[in-house]
C-alpha atoms as a PDB file:
ATOM      1  CA  MET A   1      82.797 145.887  13.803  1.00  0.00           C
ATOM      2  CA  GLU A   2      84.062 146.394  17.337  1.00  0.00           C
ATOM      3  CA  ARG A   3      82.399 149.247  19.172  1.00  0.00           C
ATOM      4  CA  LYS A   4      84.328 151.719  21.224  1.00  0.00           C
ATOM      5  CA  ARG A   5      83.237 151.834  24.836  1.00  0.00           C
ATOM      6  CA  SER A   6      83.431 155.619  24.826  1.00  0.00           C
ATOM      7  CA  ASP A   7      80.797 155.541  22.077  1.00  0.00           C
ATOM      8  CA  GLU A   8      78.289 153.596  24.164  1.00  0.00           C
ATOM      9  CA  LYS A   9      78.425 154.340  27.879  1.00  0.00           C
ATOM     10  CA  SER A  10      77.224 157.751  28.951  1.00  0.00           C
ATOM     11  CA  THR A  11      74.039 159.498  27.833  1.00  0.00           C
ATOM     12  CA  LYS A  12      74.875 162.750  29.620  1.00  0.00           C
ATOM     13  CA  ARG A  13      75.926 165.778  27.618  1.00  0.00           C
ATOM     14  CA  ARG A  14      79.177 167.360  28.693  1.00  0.00           C
ATOM     15  CA  ALA A  15      79.123 170.887  30.019  1.00  0.00           C
ATOM     16  CA  PRO A  16      81.607 173.359  28.535  1.00  0.00           C
ATOM     17  CA  SER A  17      84.801 173.492  30.560  1.00  0.00           C
ATOM     18  CA  GLY A  18      86.442 176.720  31.599  1.00  0.00           C
ATOM     19  CA  ALA A  19      85.598 179.583  29.268  1.00  0.00           C
ATOM     20  CA  ALA A  20      84.508 177.334  26.397  1.00  0.00           C
ATOM     21  CA  VAL A  21      81.263 178.414  24.757  1.00  0.00           C
ATOM     22  CA  PHE A  22      79.566 176.239  22.185  1.00  0.00           C
ATOM     23  CA  GLN A  23      79.075 177.798  18.770  1.00  0.00           C
ATOM     24  CA  GLU A  24      75.544 177.069  17.604  1.00  0.00           C
ATOM     25  CA  GLU A  25      76.531 176.638  13.967  1.00  0.00           C
ATOM     26  CA  VAL A  26      79.056 173.957  14.937  1.00  0.00           C
ATOM     27  CA  THR A  27      76.436 172.125  16.998  1.00  0.00           C
ATOM     28  CA  ARG A  28      73.996 172.250  14.079  1.00  0.00           C
ATOM     29  CA  ALA A  29      76.652 170.983  11.679  1.00  0.00           C
ATOM     30  CA  LEU A  30      77.443 168.078  13.977  1.00  0.00           C
ATOM     31  CA  ALA A  31      73.760 167.200  14.361  1.00  0.00           C
ATOM     32  CA  SER A  32      73.259 167.223  10.601  1.00  0.00           C
ATOM     33  CA  ALA A  33      76.379 165.112  10.092  1.00  0.00           C
ATOM     34  CA  LEU A  34      75.249 162.568  12.669  1.00  0.00           C
ATOM     35  CA  PHE A  35      71.984 161.839  10.896  1.00  0.00           C
ATOM     36  CA  ALA A  36      73.656 161.768   7.477  1.00  0.00           C
ATOM     37  CA  GLU A  37      76.281 159.270   8.672  1.00  0.00           C
ATOM     38  CA  TRP A  38      73.682 157.181  10.504  1.00  0.00           C
ATOM     39  CA  ALA A  39      71.533 156.956   7.366  1.00  0.00           C
ATOM     40  CA  ARG A  40      74.610 156.016   5.344  1.00  0.00           C
ATOM     41  CA  CYS A  41      76.094 153.245   7.474  1.00  0.00           C
ATOM     42  CA  GLY A  42      73.692 152.334  10.297  1.00  0.00           C
ATOM     43  CA  TYR A  43      74.033 152.777  14.059  1.00  0.00           C
ATOM     44  CA  ALA A  44      76.396 149.856  14.645  1.00  0.00           C
ATOM     45  CA  ALA A  45      79.004 151.198  12.223  1.00  0.00           C
ATOM     46  CA  LEU A  46      78.427 154.836  13.129  1.00  0.00           C
ATOM     47  CA  SER A  47      81.679 156.546  14.137  1.00  0.00           C
ATOM     48  CA  LEU A  48      81.879 159.862  15.942  1.00  0.00           C
ATOM     49  CA  GLU A  49      85.161 160.514  14.171  1.00  0.00           C
ATOM     50  CA  ALA A  50      83.333 160.212  10.829  1.00  0.00           C
ATOM     51  CA  VAL A  51      80.607 162.532  12.123  1.00  0.00           C
ATOM     52  CA  ALA A  52      83.165 165.183  13.061  1.00  0.00           C
ATOM     53  CA  LYS A  53      84.911 164.814   9.708  1.00  0.00           C
ATOM     54  CA  ARG A  54      81.636 165.208   7.786  1.00  0.00           C
ATOM     55  CA  ALA A  55      80.792 168.294   9.866  1.00  0.00           C
ATOM     56  CA  GLY A  56      84.192 169.787   9.090  1.00  0.00           C
ATOM     57  CA  VAL A  57      85.240 170.148  12.724  1.00  0.00           C
ATOM     58  CA  GLY A  58      87.780 168.512  14.995  1.00  0.00           C
ATOM     59  CA  LYS A  59      86.907 165.550  17.190  1.00  0.00           C
ATOM     60  CA  ALA A  60      87.477 167.693  20.272  1.00  0.00           C
ATOM     61  CA  ALA A  61      84.560 169.953  19.300  1.00  0.00           C
ATOM     62  CA  LEU A  62      82.256 166.934  19.215  1.00  0.00           C
ATOM     63  CA  TYR A  63      83.492 165.370  22.436  1.00  0.00           C
ATOM     64  CA  ARG A  64      83.146 168.680  24.273  1.00  0.00           C
ATOM     65  CA  ARG A  65      79.428 168.449  23.521  1.00  0.00           C
ATOM     66  CA  TRP A  66      78.766 164.711  23.831  1.00  0.00           C
ATOM     67  CA  PRO A  67      80.970 162.156  25.613  1.00  0.00           C
ATOM     68  CA  SER A  68      79.676 159.201  23.595  1.00  0.00           C
ATOM     69  CA  LYS A  69      77.724 158.097  20.562  1.00  0.00           C
ATOM     70  CA  LEU A  70      74.824 157.061  22.781  1.00  0.00           C
ATOM     71  CA  ALA A  71      74.690 160.483  24.436  1.00  0.00           C
ATOM     72  CA  MET A  72      74.701 162.279  21.092  1.00  0.00           C
ATOM     73  CA  VAL A  73      72.075 160.056  19.502  1.00  0.00           C
ATOM     74  CA  SER A  74      69.783 160.160  22.544  1.00  0.00           C
ATOM     75  CA  GLU A  75      69.836 163.924  22.828  1.00  0.00           C
ATOM     76  CA  LEU A  76      69.464 164.696  19.141  1.00  0.00           C
ATOM     77  CA  LEU A  77      66.635 162.208  18.608  1.00  0.00           C
ATOM     78  CA  SER A  78      64.804 163.801  21.517  1.00  0.00           C
ATOM     79  CA  GLU A  79      65.352 167.296  20.109  1.00  0.00           C
ATOM     80  CA  VAL A  80      64.150 166.307  16.640  1.00  0.00           C
ATOM     81  CA  GLY A  81      60.954 164.861  18.071  1.00  0.00           C
ATOM     82  CA  THR A  82      60.320 167.995  20.089  1.00  0.00           C
ATOM     83  CA  GLU A  83      61.007 170.386  17.211  1.00  0.00           C
ATOM     84  CA  LEU A  84      59.009 168.556  14.559  1.00  0.00           C
ATOM     85  CA  ALA A  85      55.881 167.833  16.553  1.00  0.00           C
ATOM     86  CA  VAL A  86      53.999 170.177  18.883  1.00  0.00           C
ATOM     87  CA  VAL A  87      50.706 169.503  20.640  1.00  0.00           C
ATOM     88  CA  PRO A  88      47.843 170.764  18.445  1.00  0.00           C
ATOM     89  CA  ASP A  89      44.973 172.631  20.103  1.00  0.00           C
ATOM     90  CA  ARG A  90      42.395 173.532  17.444  1.00  0.00           C
ATOM     91  CA  GLY A  91      39.269 173.141  19.547  1.00  0.00           C
ATOM     92  CA  SER A  92      37.970 169.807  18.254  1.00  0.00           C
ATOM     93  CA  LEU A  93      39.139 166.215  18.209  1.00  0.00           C
ATOM     94  CA  ARG A  94      38.916 165.972  14.426  1.00  0.00           C
ATOM     95  CA  GLU A  95      41.049 169.069  13.834  1.00  0.00           C
ATOM     96  CA  ASP A  96      43.566 168.095  16.503  1.00  0.00           C
ATOM     97  CA  LEU A  97      43.922 164.581  15.107  1.00  0.00           C
ATOM     98  CA  ALA A  98      44.256 165.903  11.561  1.00  0.00           C
ATOM     99  CA  GLU A  99      47.118 168.157  12.644  1.00  0.00           C
ATOM    100  CA  LEU A 100      48.746 165.426  14.738  1.00  0.00           C
ATOM    101  CA  LEU A 101      48.670 162.986  11.803  1.00  0.00           C
ATOM    102  CA  ARG A 102      50.125 165.628   9.479  1.00  0.00           C
ATOM    103  CA  GLN A 103      52.956 166.207  11.937  1.00  0.00           C
ATOM    104  CA  ILE A 104      53.693 162.483  12.091  1.00  0.00           C
ATOM    105  CA  ARG A 105      53.613 162.272   8.285  1.00  0.00           C
ATOM    106  CA  ARG A 106      56.042 165.190   8.025  1.00  0.00           C
ATOM    107  CA  VAL A 107      58.491 163.466  10.360  1.00  0.00           C
ATOM    108  CA  LEU A 108      58.243 160.086   8.643  1.00  0.00           C
ATOM    109  CA  ARG A 109      58.625 161.622   5.185  1.00  0.00           C
ATOM    110  CA  HIS A 110      61.967 163.172   6.059  1.00  0.00           C
ATOM    111  CA  PRO A 111      64.449 161.295   3.841  1.00  0.00           C
ATOM    112  CA  LEU A 112      67.011 160.710   6.590  1.00  0.00           C
ATOM    113  CA  ILE A 113      64.489 159.821   9.290  1.00  0.00           C
ATOM    114  CA  GLY A 114      62.805 157.359   6.957  1.00  0.00           C
ATOM    115  CA  ARG A 115      66.135 155.543   6.561  1.00  0.00           C
ATOM    116  CA  ILE A 116      67.196 155.809  10.199  1.00  0.00           C
ATOM    117  CA  LEU A 117      64.020 154.561  11.901  1.00  0.00           C
ATOM    118  CA  PRO A 118      64.136 150.954  10.608  1.00  0.00           C
ATOM    119  CA  ASP A 119      67.802 150.738  11.604  1.00  0.00           C
ATOM    120  CA  LEU A 120      67.030 152.228  15.017  1.00  0.00           C
ATOM    121  CA  HIS A 121      64.293 149.680  15.736  1.00  0.00           C
ATOM    122  CA  ALA A 122      66.526 146.840  14.559  1.00  0.00           C
ATOM    123  CA  GLU A 123      69.380 148.047  16.788  1.00  0.00           C
ATOM    124  CA  MET A 124      67.375 148.556  19.980  1.00  0.00           C
ATOM    125  CA  PRO A 125      67.139 144.834  20.898  1.00  0.00           C
ATOM    126  CA  ARG A 126      70.911 144.516  20.360  1.00  0.00           C
ATOM    127  CA  THR A 127      71.806 147.640  22.348  1.00  0.00           C
ATOM    128  CA  PRO A 128      69.843 147.849  25.619  1.00  0.00           C
ATOM    129  CA  GLU A 129      71.329 151.255  26.488  1.00  0.00           C
ATOM    130  CA  LEU A 130      70.009 152.699  23.232  1.00  0.00           C
ATOM    131  CA  ALA A 131      66.606 151.079  23.745  1.00  0.00           C
ATOM    132  CA  GLN A 132      66.402 152.536  27.248  1.00  0.00           C
ATOM    133  CA  ALA A 133      67.328 156.012  26.047  1.00  0.00           C
ATOM    134  CA  VAL A 134      64.766 155.957  23.234  1.00  0.00           C
ATOM    135  CA  ARG A 135      61.967 154.575  25.381  1.00  0.00           C
ATOM    136  CA  THR A 136      62.530 156.959  28.275  1.00  0.00           C
ATOM    137  CA  ARG A 137      63.030 160.099  26.173  1.00  0.00           C
ATOM    138  CA  VAL A 138      61.712 159.925  22.607  1.00  0.00           C
ATOM    139  CA  GLN A 139      58.780 157.555  23.013  1.00  0.00           C
ATOM    140  CA  VAL A 140      57.620 159.101  26.271  1.00  0.00           C
ATOM    141  CA  GLN A 141      57.497 162.547  24.657  1.00  0.00           C
ATOM    142  CA  ARG A 142      55.551 161.266  21.658  1.00  0.00           C
ATOM    143  CA  ARG A 143      52.999 159.441  23.777  1.00  0.00           C
ATOM    144  CA  LYS A 144      52.514 162.391  26.090  1.00  0.00           C
ATOM    145  CA  ARG A 145      51.599 164.620  23.136  1.00  0.00           C
ATOM    146  CA  ALA A 146      49.008 162.124  21.942  1.00  0.00           C
ATOM    147  CA  GLU A 147      47.595 161.707  25.449  1.00  0.00           C
ATOM    148  CA  ILE A 148      47.151 165.475  25.816  1.00  0.00           C
ATOM    149  CA  VAL A 149      45.070 165.565  22.615  1.00  0.00           C
ATOM    150  CA  LEU A 150      42.935 162.644  23.801  1.00  0.00           C
ATOM    151  CA  LYS A 151      42.418 164.033  27.314  1.00  0.00           C
ATOM    152  CA  ARG A 152      41.277 167.376  25.901  1.00  0.00           C
ATOM    153  CA  ALA A 153      38.747 165.526  23.765  1.00  0.00           C
ATOM    154  CA  ILE A 154      37.499 163.680  26.854  1.00  0.00           C
ATOM    155  CA  GLU A 155      37.106 166.987  28.700  1.00  0.00           C
ATOM    156  CA  ARG A 156      35.088 168.384  25.766  1.00  0.00           C
ATOM    157  CA  GLY A 157      32.840 165.307  25.811  1.00  0.00           C
ATOM    158  CA  GLU A 158      34.014 164.053  22.414  1.00  0.00           C
ATOM    159  CA  LEU A 159      35.467 160.848  23.827  1.00  0.00           C
ATOM    160  CA  ALA A 160      34.303 158.615  26.646  1.00  0.00           C
ATOM    161  CA  PRO A 161      36.099 159.086  29.967  1.00  0.00           C
ATOM    162  CA  THR A 162      36.624 155.303  30.072  1.00  0.00           C
ATOM    163  CA  LEU A 163      38.734 155.411  26.914  1.00  0.00           C
ATOM    164  CA  ASP A 164      41.853 153.280  27.193  1.00  0.00           C
ATOM    165  CA  LEU A 165      44.459 155.997  26.676  1.00  0.00           C
ATOM    166  CA  ASP A 166      47.319 153.556  26.327  1.00  0.00           C
ATOM    167  CA  LEU A 167      45.572 151.609  23.569  1.00  0.00           C
ATOM    168  CA  ALA A 168      44.346 154.776  21.852  1.00  0.00           C
ATOM    169  CA  THR A 169      47.866 156.219  21.865  1.00  0.00           C
ATOM    170  CA  ASP A 170      49.139 153.025  20.211  1.00  0.00           C
ATOM    171  CA  LEU A 171      46.588 153.627  17.460  1.00  0.00           C
ATOM    172  CA  LEU A 172      47.728 157.145  16.635  1.00  0.00           C
ATOM    173  CA  GLY A 173      50.583 157.095  14.146  1.00  0.00           C
ATOM    174  CA  GLY A 174      50.947 153.322  13.929  1.00  0.00           C
ATOM    175  CA  MET A 175      49.254 153.005  10.543  1.00  0.00           C
ATOM    176  CA  LEU A 176      51.203 155.952   9.133  1.00  0.00           C
ATOM    177  CA  TYR A 177      54.483 154.402  10.235  1.00  0.00           C
ATOM    178  CA  TRP A 178      53.571 151.143   8.526  1.00  0.00           C
ATOM    179  CA  ARG A 179      52.424 152.922   5.370  1.00  0.00           C
ATOM    180  CA  ILE A 180      55.361 155.295   4.925  1.00  0.00           C
ATOM    181  CA  VAL A 181      58.352 153.516   6.479  1.00  0.00           C
ATOM    182  CA  ILE A 182      57.591 149.826   6.053  1.00  0.00           C
ATOM    183  CA  THR A 183      55.595 149.504   2.816  1.00  0.00           C
ATOM    184  CA  ARG A 184      56.805 152.798   1.293  1.00  0.00           C
ATOM    185  CA  GLY A 185      53.248 153.532   0.224  1.00  0.00           C
ATOM    186  CA  ARG A 186      51.805 156.950  -0.620  1.00  0.00           C
ATOM    187  CA  ALA A 187      50.233 159.030   2.120  1.00  0.00           C
ATOM    188  CA  ASP A 188      48.579 161.766   0.065  1.00  0.00           C
ATOM    189  CA  GLU A 189      45.719 163.965   1.229  1.00  0.00           C
ATOM    190  CA  ALA A 190      43.063 161.486   0.137  1.00  0.00           C
ATOM    191  CA  TYR A 191      44.748 158.749   2.176  1.00  0.00           C
ATOM    192  CA  MET A 192      45.085 161.083   5.163  1.00  0.00           C
ATOM    193  CA  GLU A 193      41.367 161.872   5.082  1.00  0.00           C
ATOM    194  CA  ARG A 194      40.456 158.188   5.024  1.00  0.00           C
ATOM    195  CA  LEU A 195      42.911 157.501   7.826  1.00  0.00           C
ATOM    196  CA  LEU A 196      41.452 160.345   9.882  1.00  0.00           C
ATOM    197  CA  ASP A 197      37.908 159.008   9.411  1.00  0.00           C
ATOM    198  CA  LEU A 198      38.981 155.505  10.389  1.00  0.00           C
ATOM    199  CA  THR A 199      40.878 156.741  13.458  1.00  0.00           C
ATOM    200  CA  LEU A 200      37.928 158.816  14.654  1.00  0.00           C
ATOM    201  CA  ALA A 201      35.565 155.898  14.127  1.00  0.00           C
ATOM    202  CA  ALA A 202      37.811 153.615  16.145  1.00  0.00           C
ATOM    203  CA  LEU A 203      38.126 156.085  19.000  1.00  0.00           C
ATOM    204  CA  THR A 204      34.429 156.923  19.221  1.00  0.00           C
ATOM    205  CA  ALA A 205      32.711 153.657  18.227  1.00  0.00           C
ATOM    206  CA  SER A 206      32.684 152.018  21.643  1.00  0.00           C
ATOM    207  CA  PRO A 207      34.477 153.198  24.774  1.00  0.00           C
ATOM    208  CA  ALA A 208      37.341 150.908  25.647  1.00  0.00           C
ATOM    209  CA  SER A 209      37.701 150.722  29.397  1.00  0.00           C
ATOM    210  CA  SER A 210      41.069 151.792  30.747  1.00  0.00           C
ATOM    211  CA  LYS A 211      40.661 149.282  33.601  1.00  0.00           C
ATOM    212  CA  ARG A 212      42.676 146.140  33.071  1.00  0.00           C
ATOM    213  CA  PRO A 213      41.114 142.760  33.988  1.00  0.00           C
END
């Protein structure tokens, strides 16, 4: 399917022109329609015209908010990540990690997100602009939240100051993604407890130096 250039180029959201004021319910309807259409047909076949039609609004209402498919996807993915996951601060590494893992599970269990994520990761190598937007906005936010939790634990003396934060951040959430999205396995409370124990053991067993050879 041939992609429209207007759907791919800009990642910047358009500001309202003149006296135009965005209606929040229209924006929410468009966001919901985007994810529904993406889950239905995949990113490559995703059409902003179909998104507007599903939302029950005119194309002009969509294009006043986002000039391209890439801009819309980038912004809404970033907003979803921010809304669904906040930095836990419960006073201990175990409690913070338990909450962080529950947040990740909640995101991955969302029926639309579970269908979109595999398509997103398959599309990123084919669409460098999308990969750049995801890596500079969505992934950076996620990793920063995990790093905050780990740095607080270091300050409390629960983790070694030589901990490799980059490697430790890779650890957090990776097994849940594989379990829920890839293998479609269960992630019930018993599994979450075992995963928490394993994660804590890995982080505290032996300090991994953050200095690269």
